[in-house]
Amino acid sequence: DNPTIAPLLAGKITAKVAGDLATDTIVIDSGSVTSEVLDSGFNGRVSLADGAIDLNLRAVAASAALPAAVRGVLAERTQLSAALKRDANGDVTANAIRLVSGALTADGQASLADNK
């Protein structure tokens, strides 16, 4: 139970994935998770050999399903996209993060290395 994401997954949830499974890699040509308030998509690669991940993510959510602390600056719907990478050492980067909701636009990047 996670009260932060629970509203995004309320009601019927549909997940779809198309891709290929090789000996050491999962290639995701297209994937999606949808609910009553969320429409998301992703594609990329996951290495079964070393745990590296390279995913492109996008989501459109009803802002009412997002945490109350941010709703005041958002329009009815919020779009989020990012390129997420995890290397074999477990370091994570999110590049080309973009949030758009009404007149609000935010761009950025984030990283986590050595669990910091």
Protein backbone atom coordinates (compact mmCIF):
# COMPACT_ATOMS: atom_id res chain seq x y z
CA ASP A 1 0.00 0.00 0.00
CA ASN A 2 1.43 3.32 -1.12
CA PRO A 3 -0.90 6.28 -0.53
CA THR A 4 1.09 8.46 -2.93
CA ILE A 5 0.51 6.31 -6.03
CA ALA A 6 -2.71 4.55 -4.98
CA PRO A 7 -4.99 7.19 -6.60
CA LEU A 8 -3.22 6.66 -9.95
CA LEU A 9 -4.01 2.95 -9.86
CA ALA A 10 -7.63 3.14 -8.71
CA GLY A 11 -10.24 1.14 -10.59
CA LYS A 12 -9.47 -1.10 -13.54
CA ILE A 13 -5.77 -1.26 -14.50
CA THR A 14 -4.66 -2.45 -17.92
CA ALA A 15 -1.04 -3.31 -18.72
CA LYS A 16 0.28 -4.22 -22.17
CA VAL A 17 3.82 -5.04 -23.30
CA ALA A 18 5.20 -5.97 -26.73
CA GLY A 19 8.82 -6.90 -27.26
CA ASP A 20 11.36 -9.69 -27.35
CA LEU A 21 13.04 -11.84 -24.73
CA ALA A 22 16.58 -12.97 -25.45
CA THR A 23 18.97 -14.94 -23.27
CA ASP A 24 20.31 -11.86 -21.52
CA THR A 25 18.06 -8.97 -22.60
CA ILE A 26 14.42 -7.92 -22.59
CA VAL A 27 13.63 -5.51 -25.42
CA ILE A 28 10.41 -3.58 -24.90
CA ASP A 29 9.13 -2.24 -28.20
CA SER A 30 6.09 -0.71 -26.52
CA GLY A 31 4.41 -0.94 -23.16
CA SER A 32 1.57 0.81 -21.41
CA VAL A 33 -0.21 0.97 -18.08
CA THR A 34 -3.59 2.66 -18.00
CA SER A 35 -6.20 3.29 -15.33
CA GLU A 36 -9.14 5.64 -14.97
CA VAL A 37 -6.77 8.54 -14.31
CA LEU A 38 -3.47 7.43 -15.88
CA ASP A 39 -2.28 6.82 -19.44
CA SER A 40 1.37 5.82 -19.53
CA GLY A 41 3.75 4.32 -22.05
CA PHE A 42 7.32 3.08 -22.17
CA ASN A 43 9.92 1.38 -24.35
CA GLY A 44 13.52 0.35 -23.94
CA ARG A 45 15.82 -2.46 -22.82
CA VAL A 46 16.52 -4.38 -19.63
CA SER A 47 19.70 -6.42 -19.29
CA LEU A 48 19.21 -9.69 -17.46
CA ALA A 49 22.99 -10.13 -17.39
CA ASP A 50 23.95 -7.04 -15.38
CA GLY A 51 20.69 -5.29 -14.40
CA ALA A 52 21.23 -2.29 -16.67
CA ILE A 53 18.01 -0.55 -17.73
CA ASP A 54 17.37 1.97 -20.50
CA LEU A 55 13.73 3.13 -20.65
CA ASN A 56 11.85 6.01 -22.23
CA LEU A 57 8.79 6.87 -20.16
CA ARG A 58 5.75 9.07 -20.68
CA ALA A 59 2.60 9.55 -18.66
CA VAL A 60 -0.51 11.70 -18.66
CA ALA A 61 -2.41 11.77 -15.38
CA ALA A 62 -5.43 13.48 -13.93
CA SER A 63 -3.91 16.06 -11.61
CA ALA A 64 -6.56 15.27 -8.99
CA ALA A 65 -4.85 11.88 -8.53
CA LEU A 66 -1.49 13.48 -7.73
CA PRO A 67 -0.34 14.47 -4.21
CA ALA A 68 -2.32 17.35 -2.71
CA ALA A 69 0.82 19.43 -2.16
CA VAL A 70 1.31 19.91 -5.92
CA ARG A 71 -2.28 20.14 -7.18
CA GLY A 72 -2.57 23.91 -6.65
CA VAL A 73 -0.17 24.72 -9.51
CA LEU A 74 -1.43 22.09 -11.95
CA ALA A 75 -4.09 22.15 -14.63
CA GLU A 76 -6.64 19.33 -14.97
CA ARG A 77 -4.11 16.96 -16.58
CA THR A 78 -0.36 16.64 -16.11
CA GLN A 79 2.12 15.20 -18.63
CA LEU A 80 5.47 13.75 -17.57
CA SER A 81 8.23 12.24 -19.69
CA ALA A 82 11.78 11.08 -18.98
CA ALA A 83 14.62 8.89 -20.19
CA LEU A 84 15.57 6.58 -17.32
CA LYS A 85 18.86 4.68 -17.20
CA ARG A 86 20.31 2.31 -14.61
CA ASP A 87 23.85 1.08 -15.18
CA ALA A 88 25.38 -2.22 -14.11
CA ASN A 89 26.67 -0.57 -10.90
CA GLY A 90 23.15 0.46 -9.88
CA ASP A 91 23.62 4.16 -10.60
CA VAL A 92 20.42 5.75 -11.92
CA THR A 93 19.97 8.81 -14.14
CA ALA A 94 16.79 10.42 -15.39
CA ASN A 95 17.43 12.74 -18.31
CA ALA A 96 15.12 14.91 -20.34
CA ILE A 97 12.59 15.02 -17.49
CA ARG A 98 9.71 17.18 -18.65
CA LEU A 99 6.53 18.09 -16.78
CA VAL A 100 3.76 20.04 -18.49
CA SER A 101 0.44 21.05 -16.93
CA GLY A 102 -1.45 24.05 -18.25
CA ALA A 103 0.88 27.06 -18.19
CA LEU A 104 3.44 25.21 -16.05
CA THR A 105 6.44 23.64 -17.80
CA ALA A 106 9.43 22.21 -15.95
CA ASP A 107 12.51 20.51 -17.39
CA GLY A 108 15.33 18.83 -15.57
CA GLN A 109 17.43 15.82 -14.81
CA ALA A 110 18.25 13.73 -11.76
CA SER A 111 20.78 11.12 -10.75
CA LEU A 112 21.49 8.70 -7.95
CA ALA A 113 24.99 7.28 -7.59
CA ASP A 114 26.30 5.13 -4.76
CA ASN A 115 22.78 5.33 -3.22
CA LYS A 116 23.21 9.11 -2.73
